[in-house]
């Protein structure tokens, strides 16, 4: 694919779309799957679906089965928020560190 071709422009558009959708769609789809199986998870009923998504809730107590999508969203915010801080100035490196530290503590 050559950089100035129509195919390249199409691929760039598609990639920007998925780059914007992924951080929202994945945590929401995980949350939807967990909500769908919440009764099975909380009552310790091993069903096909609850076992298929066990990697999302197995590390948490039953009442906190929903925590993994929230934690995933926090990590996405942490890793993407510091990228948008301009680093051309020296003090902005310190700002990146401070924002990262602040988001980690939340």
PDB file of N, CA and C in Angstrom:
ATOM      1  N   UNK A   1       0.853  -1.171   0.000  1.00  0.00           N
ATOM      2  CA  UNK A   1       0.000   0.000   0.000  1.00  0.00           C
ATOM      3  C   UNK A   1       0.900   1.236   0.000  1.00  0.00           C
ATOM      4  N   UNK A   2       0.697   2.087  -0.952  1.00  0.00           N
ATOM      5  CA  UNK A   2       1.477   3.323  -1.041  1.00  0.00           C
ATOM      6  C   UNK A   2       0.793   4.424  -0.238  1.00  0.00           C
ATOM      7  N   UNK A   3       1.593   5.283   0.332  1.00  0.00           N
ATOM      8  CA  UNK A   3       1.089   6.280   1.274  1.00  0.00           C
ATOM      9  C   UNK A   3       0.099   7.279   0.667  1.00  0.00           C
ATOM     10  N   UNK A   4       0.233   7.640  -0.559  1.00  0.00           N
ATOM     11  CA  UNK A   4      -0.647   8.645  -1.145  1.00  0.00           C
ATOM     12  C   UNK A   4      -1.804   8.048  -1.935  1.00  0.00           C
ATOM     13  N   UNK A   5      -2.021   6.770  -1.831  1.00  0.00           N
ATOM     14  CA  UNK A   5      -3.082   6.127  -2.600  1.00  0.00           C
ATOM     15  C   UNK A   5      -4.426   6.214  -1.879  1.00  0.00           C
ATOM     16  N   UNK A   6      -5.485   5.946  -2.623  1.00  0.00           N
ATOM     17  CA  UNK A   6      -6.830   5.929  -2.043  1.00  0.00           C
ATOM     18  C   UNK A   6      -6.978   4.793  -1.032  1.00  0.00           C
ATOM     19  N   UNK A   7      -6.337   3.680  -1.320  1.00  0.00           N
ATOM     20  CA  UNK A   7      -6.401   2.541  -0.402  1.00  0.00           C
ATOM     21  C   UNK A   7      -5.782   2.904   0.943  1.00  0.00           C
ATOM     22  N   UNK A   8      -4.682   3.621   0.924  1.00  0.00           N
ATOM     23  CA  UNK A   8      -4.038   4.053   2.162  1.00  0.00           C
ATOM     24  C   UNK A   8      -4.949   4.992   2.943  1.00  0.00           C
ATOM     25  N   UNK A   9      -5.578   5.931   2.260  1.00  0.00           N
ATOM     26  CA  UNK A   9      -6.491   6.875   2.920  1.00  0.00           C
ATOM     27  C   UNK A   9      -7.664   6.142   3.559  1.00  0.00           C
ATOM     28  N   UNK A  10      -8.187   5.132   2.869  1.00  0.00           N
ATOM     29  CA  UNK A  10      -9.282   4.322   3.410  1.00  0.00           C
ATOM     30  C   UNK A  10      -8.838   3.567   4.658  1.00  0.00           C
ATOM     31  N   UNK A  11      -7.647   2.983   4.597  1.00  0.00           N
ATOM     32  CA  UNK A  11      -7.125   2.234   5.744  1.00  0.00           C
ATOM     33  C   UNK A  11      -6.856   3.145   6.935  1.00  0.00           C
ATOM     34  N   UNK A  12      -6.390   4.343   6.676  1.00  0.00           N
ATOM     35  CA  UNK A  12      -6.162   5.303   7.758  1.00  0.00           C
ATOM     36  C   UNK A  12      -7.489   5.671   8.421  1.00  0.00           C
ATOM     37  N   UNK A  13      -8.521   5.891   7.625  1.00  0.00           N
ATOM     38  CA  UNK A  13      -9.841   6.216   8.174  1.00  0.00           C
ATOM     39  C   UNK A  13     -10.380   5.077   9.024  1.00  0.00           C
ATOM     40  N   UNK A  14     -10.262   3.867   8.523  1.00  0.00           N
ATOM     41  CA  UNK A  14     -10.735   2.702   9.265  1.00  0.00           C
ATOM     42  C   UNK A  14      -9.954   2.529  10.562  1.00  0.00           C
ATOM     43  N   UNK A  15      -8.649   2.733  10.497  1.00  0.00           N
ATOM     44  CA  UNK A  15      -7.830   2.567  11.704  1.00  0.00           C
ATOM     45  C   UNK A  15      -8.172   3.623  12.756  1.00  0.00           C
ATOM     46  N   UNK A  16      -8.415   4.861  12.348  1.00  0.00           N
ATOM     47  CA  UNK A  16      -8.817   5.888  13.315  1.00  0.00           C
ATOM     48  C   UNK A  16     -10.157   5.550  13.946  1.00  0.00           C
ATOM     49  N   UNK A  17     -11.077   5.007  13.145  1.00  0.00           N
ATOM     50  CA  UNK A  17     -12.379   4.609  13.674  1.00  0.00           C
ATOM     51  C   UNK A  17     -12.211   3.555  14.767  1.00  0.00           C
ATOM     52  N   UNK A  18     -11.451   2.498  14.482  1.00  0.00           N
ATOM     53  CA  UNK A  18     -11.281   1.435  15.464  1.00  0.00           C
ATOM     54  C   UNK A  18     -10.437   1.884  16.655  1.00  0.00           C
ATOM     55  N   UNK A  19      -9.535   2.798  16.434  1.00  0.00           N
ATOM     56  CA  UNK A  19      -8.745   3.335  17.535  1.00  0.00           C
ATOM     57  C   UNK A  19      -9.637   4.105  18.509  1.00  0.00           C
ATOM     58  N   UNK A  20     -10.665   4.743  17.994  1.00  0.00           N
ATOM     59  CA  UNK A  20     -11.607   5.467  18.847  1.00  0.00           C
ATOM     60  C   UNK A  20     -12.644   4.544  19.484  1.00  0.00           C
ATOM     61  N   UNK A  21     -13.048   3.498  18.783  1.00  0.00           N
ATOM     62  CA  UNK A  21     -14.119   2.613  19.271  1.00  0.00           C
ATOM     63  C   UNK A  21     -13.616   1.595  20.288  1.00  0.00           C
ATOM     64  N   UNK A  22     -12.438   1.052  20.100  1.00  0.00           N
ATOM     65  CA  UNK A  22     -11.949  -0.035  20.951  1.00  0.00           C
ATOM     66  C   UNK A  22     -11.945   0.290  22.440  1.00  0.00           C
ATOM     67  N   UNK A  23     -11.399   1.435  22.868  1.00  0.00           N
ATOM     68  CA  UNK A  23     -11.353   1.698  24.304  1.00  0.00           C
ATOM     69  C   UNK A  23     -12.721   1.826  24.963  1.00  0.00           C
ATOM     70  N   UNK A  24     -13.743   2.061  24.179  1.00  0.00           N
ATOM     71  CA  UNK A  24     -15.096   2.153  24.721  1.00  0.00           C
ATOM     72  C   UNK A  24     -15.830   0.823  24.583  1.00  0.00           C
ATOM     73  N   UNK A  25     -15.715   0.198  23.417  1.00  0.00           N
ATOM     74  CA  UNK A  25     -16.494  -0.999  23.121  1.00  0.00           C
ATOM     75  C   UNK A  25     -16.053  -2.218  23.938  1.00  0.00           C
ATOM     76  N   UNK A  26     -14.771  -2.405  24.136  1.00  0.00           N
ATOM     77  CA  UNK A  26     -14.295  -3.600  24.835  1.00  0.00           C
ATOM     78  C   UNK A  26     -14.717  -3.604  26.302  1.00  0.00           C
ATOM     79  N   UNK A  27     -14.457  -2.537  27.071  1.00  0.00           N
ATOM     80  CA  UNK A  27     -14.943  -2.571  28.461  1.00  0.00           C
ATOM     81  C   UNK A  27     -16.466  -2.689  28.563  1.00  0.00           C
ATOM     82  N   UNK A  28     -17.189  -2.038  27.655  1.00  0.00           N
ATOM     83  CA  UNK A  28     -18.655  -2.141  27.690  1.00  0.00           C
ATOM     84  C   UNK A  28     -19.140  -3.546  27.335  1.00  0.00           C
ATOM     85  N   UNK A  29     -18.480  -4.198  26.388  1.00  0.00           N
ATOM     86  CA  UNK A  29     -18.884  -5.562  26.051  1.00  0.00           C
ATOM     87  C   UNK A  29     -18.551  -6.527  27.189  1.00  0.00           C
ATOM     88  N   UNK A  30     -17.424  -6.312  27.867  1.00  0.00           N
ATOM     89  CA  UNK A  30     -17.105  -7.118  29.049  1.00  0.00           C
ATOM     90  C   UNK A  30     -18.152  -6.905  30.138  1.00  0.00           C
ATOM     91  N   UNK A  31     -18.538  -5.653  30.359  1.00  0.00           N
ATOM     92  CA  UNK A  31     -19.543  -5.355  31.371  1.00  0.00           C
ATOM     93  C   UNK A  31     -20.881  -5.985  31.008  1.00  0.00           C
ATOM     94  N   UNK A  32     -21.264  -5.943  29.748  1.00  0.00           N
ATOM     95  CA  UNK A  32     -22.521  -6.556  29.315  1.00  0.00           C
ATOM     96  C   UNK A  32     -22.495  -8.066  29.539  1.00  0.00           C
ATOM     97  N   UNK A  33     -21.378  -8.706  29.240  1.00  0.00           N
ATOM     98  CA  UNK A  33     -21.266 -10.155  29.464  1.00  0.00           C
ATOM     99  C   UNK A  33     -21.343 -10.490  30.951  1.00  0.00           C
ATOM    100  N   UNK A  34     -20.718  -9.662  31.777  1.00  0.00           N
ATOM    101  CA  UNK A  34     -20.764  -9.897  33.221  1.00  0.00           C
ATOM    102  C   UNK A  34     -22.164  -9.674  33.786  1.00  0.00           C
ATOM    103  N   UNK A  35     -22.836  -8.646  33.332  1.00  0.00           N
ATOM    104  CA  UNK A  35     -24.200  -8.391  33.804  1.00  0.00           C
ATOM    105  C   UNK A  35     -25.125  -9.521  33.369  1.00  0.00           C
ATOM    106  N   UNK A  36     -24.918 -10.034  32.187  1.00  0.00           N
ATOM    107  CA  UNK A  36     -25.730 -11.145  31.701  1.00  0.00           C
ATOM    108  C   UNK A  36     -25.588 -12.381  32.600  1.00  0.00           C
ATOM    109  N   UNK A  37     -24.406 -12.602  33.140  1.00  0.00           N
ATOM    110  CA  UNK A  37     -24.151 -13.788  33.967  1.00  0.00           C
ATOM    111  C   UNK A  37     -24.066 -13.481  35.455  1.00  0.00           C
ATOM    112  N   UNK A  38     -24.528 -12.318  35.870  1.00  0.00           N
ATOM    113  CA  UNK A  38     -24.332 -11.920  37.263  1.00  0.00           C
ATOM    114  C   UNK A  38     -24.974 -12.868  38.268  1.00  0.00           C
ATOM    115  N   UNK A  39     -26.147 -13.395  37.958  1.00  0.00           N
ATOM    116  CA  UNK A  39     -26.805 -14.306  38.897  1.00  0.00           C
ATOM    117  C   UNK A  39     -26.027 -15.613  39.027  1.00  0.00           C
ATOM    118  N   UNK A  40     -25.541 -16.132  37.925  1.00  0.00           N
ATOM    119  CA  UNK A  40     -24.754 -17.361  37.956  1.00  0.00           C
ATOM    120  C   UNK A  40     -23.450 -17.165  38.720  1.00  0.00           C
ATOM    121  N   UNK A  41     -22.842 -16.007  38.554  1.00  0.00           N
ATOM    122  CA  UNK A  41     -21.581 -15.710  39.237  1.00  0.00           C
ATOM    123  C   UNK A  41     -21.813 -15.581  40.734  1.00  0.00           C
ATOM    124  N   UNK A  42     -22.831 -14.833  41.116  1.00  0.00           N
ATOM    125  CA  UNK A  42     -23.076 -14.581  42.529  1.00  0.00           C
ATOM    126  C   UNK A  42     -23.596 -15.810  43.263  1.00  0.00           C
ATOM    127  N   UNK A  43     -24.290 -16.698  42.566  1.00  0.00           N
ATOM    128  CA  UNK A  43     -24.835 -17.905  43.194  1.00  0.00           C
ATOM    129  C   UNK A  43     -23.935 -19.123  43.010  1.00  0.00           C
ATOM    130  N   UNK A  44     -22.755 -18.922  42.422  1.00  0.00           N
ATOM    131  CA  UNK A  44     -21.789 -20.009  42.177  1.00  0.00           C
ATOM    132  C   UNK A  44     -22.391 -21.131  41.327  1.00  0.00           C
ATOM    133  N   UNK A  45     -23.143 -20.754  40.299  1.00  0.00           N
ATOM    134  CA  UNK A  45     -23.708 -21.734  39.378  1.00  0.00           C
ATOM    135  C   UNK A  45     -22.840 -21.780  38.128  1.00  0.00           C
ATOM    136  N   UNK A  46     -22.078 -22.838  37.954  1.00  0.00           N
ATOM    137  CA  UNK A  46     -21.198 -22.898  36.777  1.00  0.00           C
ATOM    138  C   UNK A  46     -21.989 -23.179  35.501  1.00  0.00           C
ATOM    139  N   UNK A  47     -22.164 -22.168  34.697  1.00  0.00           N
ATOM    140  CA  UNK A  47     -22.813 -22.343  33.398  1.00  0.00           C
ATOM    141  C   UNK A  47     -21.748 -22.163  32.320  1.00  0.00           C
ATOM    142  N   UNK A  48     -22.117 -22.491  31.115  1.00  0.00           N
ATOM    143  CA  UNK A  48     -21.177 -22.350  30.006  1.00  0.00           C
ATOM    144  C   UNK A  48     -20.705 -20.907  29.881  1.00  0.00           C
ATOM    145  N   UNK A  49     -21.639 -19.974  29.936  1.00  0.00           N
ATOM    146  CA  UNK A  49     -21.298 -18.566  29.765  1.00  0.00           C
ATOM    147  C   UNK A  49     -20.479 -18.029  30.929  1.00  0.00           C
ATOM    148  N   UNK A  50     -20.859 -18.355  32.155  1.00  0.00           N
ATOM    149  CA  UNK A  50     -20.103 -17.846  33.306  1.00  0.00           C
ATOM    150  C   UNK A  50     -18.692 -18.432  33.346  1.00  0.00           C
ATOM    151  N   UNK A  51     -18.532 -19.667  32.898  1.00  0.00           N
ATOM    152  CA  UNK A  51     -17.185 -20.248  32.821  1.00  0.00           C
ATOM    153  C   UNK A  51     -16.370 -19.634  31.681  1.00  0.00           C
ATOM    154  N   UNK A  52     -17.040 -19.258  30.597  1.00  0.00           N
ATOM    155  CA  UNK A  52     -16.337 -18.664  29.455  1.00  0.00           C
ATOM    156  C   UNK A  52     -15.766 -17.292  29.793  1.00  0.00           C
ATOM    157  N   UNK A  53     -16.418 -16.573  30.695  1.00  0.00           N
ATOM    158  CA  UNK A  53     -15.932 -15.246  31.078  1.00  0.00           C
ATOM    159  C   UNK A  53     -15.310 -15.247  32.478  1.00  0.00           C
ATOM    160  N   UNK A  54     -14.926 -16.397  32.931  1.00  0.00           N
ATOM    161  CA  UNK A  54     -14.359 -16.524  34.273  1.00  0.00           C
ATOM    162  C   UNK A  54     -13.093 -15.686  34.440  1.00  0.00           C
ATOM    163  N   UNK A  55     -12.361 -15.472  33.367  1.00  0.00           N
ATOM    164  CA  UNK A  55     -11.145 -14.659  33.444  1.00  0.00           C
ATOM    165  C   UNK A  55     -11.459 -13.214  33.836  1.00  0.00           C
ATOM    166  N   UNK A  56     -12.706 -12.787  33.689  1.00  0.00           N
ATOM    167  CA  UNK A  56     -13.099 -11.429  34.045  1.00  0.00           C
ATOM    168  C   UNK A  56     -13.458 -11.279  35.519  1.00  0.00           C
ATOM    169  N   UNK A  57     -13.947 -12.343  36.137  1.00  0.00           N
ATOM    170  CA  UNK A  57     -14.443 -12.206  37.501  1.00  0.00           C
ATOM    171  C   UNK A  57     -13.781 -13.115  38.525  1.00  0.00           C
ATOM    172  N   UNK A  58     -12.973 -14.052  38.126  1.00  0.00           N
ATOM    173  CA  UNK A  58     -12.429 -15.045  39.058  1.00  0.00           C
ATOM    174  C   UNK A  58     -11.525 -14.423  40.128  1.00  0.00           C
ATOM    175  N   UNK A  59     -10.886 -13.330  39.848  1.00  0.00           N
ATOM    176  CA  UNK A  59      -9.986 -12.714  40.816  1.00  0.00           C
ATOM    177  C   UNK A  59     -10.668 -11.810  41.825  1.00  0.00           C
ATOM    178  N   UNK A  60     -11.979 -11.707  41.761  1.00  0.00           N
ATOM    179  CA  UNK A  60     -12.718 -10.789  42.625  1.00  0.00           C
ATOM    180  C   UNK A  60     -13.767 -11.541  43.434  1.00  0.00           C
ATOM    181  N   UNK A  61     -14.201 -10.936  44.544  1.00  0.00           N
ATOM    182  CA  UNK A  61     -15.299 -11.506  45.316  1.00  0.00           C
ATOM    183  C   UNK A  61     -16.580 -11.393  44.494  1.00  0.00           C
ATOM    184  N   UNK A  62     -17.549 -12.230  44.815  1.00  0.00           N
ATOM    185  CA  UNK A  62     -18.779 -12.301  44.016  1.00  0.00           C
ATOM    186  C   UNK A  62     -19.493 -10.957  43.903  1.00  0.00           C
ATOM    187  N   UNK A  63     -19.503 -10.180  44.972  1.00  0.00           N
ATOM    188  CA  UNK A  63     -20.218  -8.907  44.922  1.00  0.00           C
ATOM    189  C   UNK A  63     -19.489  -7.856  44.082  1.00  0.00           C
ATOM    190  N   UNK A  64     -18.222  -8.119  43.733  1.00  0.00           N
ATOM    191  CA  UNK A  64     -17.447  -7.190  42.907  1.00  0.00           C
ATOM    192  C   UNK A  64     -17.138  -7.790  41.536  1.00  0.00           C
ATOM    193  N   UNK A  65     -18.021  -8.617  41.024  1.00  0.00           N
ATOM    194  CA  UNK A  65     -17.809  -9.269  39.726  1.00  0.00           C
ATOM    195  C   UNK A  65     -17.641  -8.258  38.602  1.00  0.00           C
ATOM    196  N   UNK A  66     -18.181  -7.070  38.755  1.00  0.00           N
ATOM    197  CA  UNK A  66     -18.184  -6.034  37.720  1.00  0.00           C
ATOM    198  C   UNK A  66     -16.917  -5.201  37.715  1.00  0.00           C
ATOM    199  N   UNK A  67     -15.963  -5.458  38.574  1.00  0.00           N
ATOM    200  CA  UNK A  67     -14.814  -4.584  38.774  1.00  0.00           C
ATOM    201  C   UNK A  67     -13.827  -4.581  37.596  1.00  0.00           C
ATOM    202  N   UNK A  68     -13.669  -5.701  36.895  1.00  0.00           N
ATOM    203  CA  UNK A  68     -12.659  -5.791  35.836  1.00  0.00           C
ATOM    204  C   UNK A  68     -12.878  -4.789  34.699  1.00  0.00           C
ATOM    205  N   UNK A  69     -14.092  -4.594  34.173  1.00  0.00           N
ATOM    206  CA  UNK A  69     -14.266  -3.560  33.138  1.00  0.00           C
ATOM    207  C   UNK A  69     -13.939  -2.157  33.653  1.00  0.00           C
ATOM    208  N   UNK A  70     -14.241  -1.889  34.911  1.00  0.00           N
ATOM    209  CA  UNK A  70     -13.902  -0.605  35.491  1.00  0.00           C
ATOM    210  C   UNK A  70     -12.390  -0.444  35.594  1.00  0.00           C
ATOM    211  N   UNK A  71     -11.715  -1.486  36.017  1.00  0.00           N
ATOM    212  CA  UNK A  71     -10.255  -1.466  36.113  1.00  0.00           C
ATOM    213  C   UNK A  71      -9.629  -1.317  34.718  1.00  0.00           C
ATOM    214  N   UNK A  72     -10.218  -1.974  33.735  1.00  0.00           N
ATOM    215  CA  UNK A  72      -9.714  -1.870  32.368  1.00  0.00           C
ATOM    216  C   UNK A  72      -9.871  -0.440  31.844  1.00  0.00           C
ATOM    217  N   UNK A  73     -11.003   0.178  32.118  1.00  0.00           N
ATOM    218  CA  UNK A  73     -11.227   1.560  31.698  1.00  0.00           C
ATOM    219  C   UNK A  73     -10.229   2.498  32.385  1.00  0.00           C
ATOM    220  N   UNK A  74      -9.946   2.251  33.665  1.00  0.00           N
ATOM    221  CA  UNK A  74      -8.965   3.066  34.385  1.00  0.00           C
ATOM    222  C   UNK A  74      -7.583   2.945  33.747  1.00  0.00           C
ATOM    223  N   UNK A  75      -7.210   1.741  33.367  1.00  0.00           N
ATOM    224  CA  UNK A  75      -5.903   1.534  32.739  1.00  0.00           C
ATOM    225  C   UNK A  75      -5.825   2.189  31.359  1.00  0.00           C
ATOM    226  N   UNK A  76      -6.912   2.142  30.626  1.00  0.00           N
ATOM    227  CA  UNK A  76      -6.942   2.806  29.314  1.00  0.00           C
ATOM    228  C   UNK A  76      -6.791   4.311  29.481  1.00  0.00           C
ATOM    229  N   UNK A  77      -7.491   4.878  30.456  1.00  0.00           N
ATOM    230  CA  UNK A  77      -7.372   6.314  30.722  1.00  0.00           C
ATOM    231  C   UNK A  77      -5.956   6.651  31.163  1.00  0.00           C
ATOM    232  N   UNK A  78      -5.384   5.819  32.025  1.00  0.00           N
ATOM    233  CA  UNK A  78      -4.029   6.071  32.517  1.00  0.00           C
ATOM    234  C   UNK A  78      -3.015   6.063  31.386  1.00  0.00           C
ATOM    235  N   UNK A  79      -3.107   5.096  30.506  1.00  0.00           N
ATOM    236  CA  UNK A  79      -2.116   4.999  29.434  1.00  0.00           C
ATOM    237  C   UNK A  79      -2.352   5.985  28.304  1.00  0.00           C
ATOM    238  N   UNK A  80      -3.579   6.433  28.120  1.00  0.00           N
ATOM    239  CA  UNK A  80      -3.832   7.348  27.010  1.00  0.00           C
ATOM    240  C   UNK A  80      -3.824   8.809  27.430  1.00  0.00           C
ATOM    241  N   UNK A  81      -4.110   9.120  28.667  1.00  0.00           N
ATOM    242  CA  UNK A  81      -4.165  10.520  29.096  1.00  0.00           C
ATOM    243  C   UNK A  81      -2.798  11.183  29.025  1.00  0.00           C
ATOM    244  N   UNK A  82      -1.763  10.476  29.403  1.00  0.00           N
ATOM    245  CA  UNK A  82      -0.430  11.084  29.403  1.00  0.00           C
ATOM    246  C   UNK A  82       0.117  11.277  27.997  1.00  0.00           C
ATOM    247  N   UNK A  83      -0.418  10.575  27.024  1.00  0.00           N
ATOM    248  CA  UNK A  83       0.053  10.707  25.647  1.00  0.00           C
ATOM    249  C   UNK A  83      -0.325  12.070  25.060  1.00  0.00           C
ATOM    250  N   UNK A  84      -1.428  12.624  25.522  1.00  0.00           N
ATOM    251  CA  UNK A  84      -1.902  13.880  24.962  1.00  0.00           C
ATOM    252  C   UNK A  84      -1.263  15.111  25.583  1.00  0.00           C
ATOM    253  N   UNK A  85      -0.361  14.922  26.527  1.00  0.00           N
ATOM    254  CA  UNK A  85       0.365  16.045  27.107  1.00  0.00           C
ATOM    255  C   UNK A  85       1.597  16.297  26.249  1.00  0.00           C
ATOM    256  N   UNK A  86       1.732  17.502  25.761  1.00  0.00           N
ATOM    257  CA  UNK A  86       2.841  17.863  24.879  1.00  0.00           C
ATOM    258  C   UNK A  86       4.154  17.809  25.655  1.00  0.00           C
ATOM    259  N   UNK A  87       5.158  17.163  25.077  1.00  0.00           N
ATOM    260  CA  UNK A  87       6.437  17.012  25.778  1.00  0.00           C
ATOM    261  C   UNK A  87       7.546  17.873  25.166  1.00  0.00           C
ATOM    262  N   UNK A  88       7.192  18.842  24.351  1.00  0.00           N
ATOM    263  CA  UNK A  88       8.224  19.704  23.763  1.00  0.00           C
ATOM    264  C   UNK A  88       8.884  20.593  24.807  1.00  0.00           C
ATOM    265  N   UNK A  89       8.165  20.910  25.856  1.00  0.00           N
ATOM    266  CA  UNK A  89       8.703  21.721  26.949  1.00  0.00           C
ATOM    267  C   UNK A  89       9.151  20.800  28.073  1.00  0.00           C
ATOM    268  N   UNK A  90      10.160  21.157  28.796  1.00  0.00           N
ATOM    269  CA  UNK A  90      10.712  20.325  29.857  1.00  0.00           C
ATOM    270  C   UNK A  90       9.758  20.103  31.016  1.00  0.00           C
ATOM    271  N   UNK A  91       8.982  21.126  31.381  1.00  0.00           N
ATOM    272  CA  UNK A  91       8.091  20.975  32.526  1.00  0.00           C
ATOM    273  C   UNK A  91       6.933  20.025  32.241  1.00  0.00           C
ATOM    274  N   UNK A  92       6.635  19.790  30.975  1.00  0.00           N
ATOM    275  CA  UNK A  92       5.542  18.886  30.639  1.00  0.00           C
ATOM    276  C   UNK A  92       5.877  17.435  30.953  1.00  0.00           C
ATOM    277  N   UNK A  93       7.164  17.085  30.981  1.00  0.00           N
ATOM    278  CA  UNK A  93       7.532  15.733  31.410  1.00  0.00           C
ATOM    279  C   UNK A  93       7.125  15.520  32.863  1.00  0.00           C
ATOM    280  N   UNK A  94       7.321  16.541  33.678  1.00  0.00           N
ATOM    281  CA  UNK A  94       6.896  16.463  35.069  1.00  0.00           C
ATOM    282  C   UNK A  94       5.370  16.407  35.165  1.00  0.00           C
ATOM    283  N   UNK A  95       4.693  17.135  34.288  1.00  0.00           N
ATOM    284  CA  UNK A  95       3.235  17.101  34.260  1.00  0.00           C
ATOM    285  C   UNK A  95       2.731  15.709  33.897  1.00  0.00           C
ATOM    286  N   UNK A  96       3.369  15.058  32.933  1.00  0.00           N
ATOM    287  CA  UNK A  96       3.005  13.682  32.588  1.00  0.00           C
ATOM    288  C   UNK A  96       3.139  12.764  33.789  1.00  0.00           C
ATOM    289  N   UNK A  97       4.241  12.888  34.498  1.00  0.00           N
ATOM    290  CA  UNK A  97       4.470  12.077  35.675  1.00  0.00           C
ATOM    291  C   UNK A  97       3.394  12.343  36.731  1.00  0.00           C
ATOM    292  N   UNK A  98       3.069  13.615  36.944  1.00  0.00           N
ATOM    293  CA  UNK A  98       2.053  13.963  37.938  1.00  0.00           C
ATOM    294  C   UNK A  98       0.676  13.438  37.547  1.00  0.00           C
ATOM    295  N   UNK A  99       0.282  13.593  36.284  1.00  0.00           N
ATOM    296  CA  UNK A  99      -1.010  13.083  35.824  1.00  0.00           C
ATOM    297  C   UNK A  99      -1.069  11.562  35.940  1.00  0.00           C
ATOM    298  N   UNK A 100      -0.004  10.889  35.559  1.00  0.00           N
ATOM    299  CA  UNK A 100       0.050   9.428  35.698  1.00  0.00           C
ATOM    300  C   UNK A 100      -0.060   8.994  37.137  1.00  0.00           C
ATOM    301  N   UNK A 101       0.627   9.685  38.035  1.00  0.00           N
ATOM    302  CA  UNK A 101       0.569   9.370  39.460  1.00  0.00           C
ATOM    303  C   UNK A 101      -0.838   9.618  40.004  1.00  0.00           C
ATOM    304  N   UNK A 102      -1.429  10.734  39.616  1.00  0.00           N
ATOM    305  CA  UNK A 102      -2.779  11.068  40.065  1.00  0.00           C
ATOM    306  C   UNK A 102      -3.790  10.023  39.595  1.00  0.00           C
ATOM    307  N   UNK A 103      -3.720   9.616  38.343  1.00  0.00           N
ATOM    308  CA  UNK A 103      -4.646   8.614  37.823  1.00  0.00           C
ATOM    309  C   UNK A 103      -4.405   7.243  38.444  1.00  0.00           C
ATOM    310  N   UNK A 104      -3.192   6.945  38.826  1.00  0.00           N
ATOM    311  CA  UNK A 104      -2.905   5.680  39.469  1.00  0.00           C
ATOM    312  C   UNK A 104      -3.523   5.621  40.856  1.00  0.00           C
ATOM    313  N   UNK A 105      -3.526   6.744  41.542  1.00  0.00           N
ATOM    314  CA  UNK A 105      -4.059   6.766  42.899  1.00  0.00           C
ATOM    315  C   UNK A 105      -5.587   6.766  42.920  1.00  0.00           C
ATOM    316  N   UNK A 106      -6.218   7.109  41.836  1.00  0.00           N
ATOM    317  CA  UNK A 106      -7.691   7.143  41.788  1.00  0.00           C
ATOM    318  C   UNK A 106      -8.192   5.789  41.664  1.00  0.00           C
TER     319      UNK A 106
END
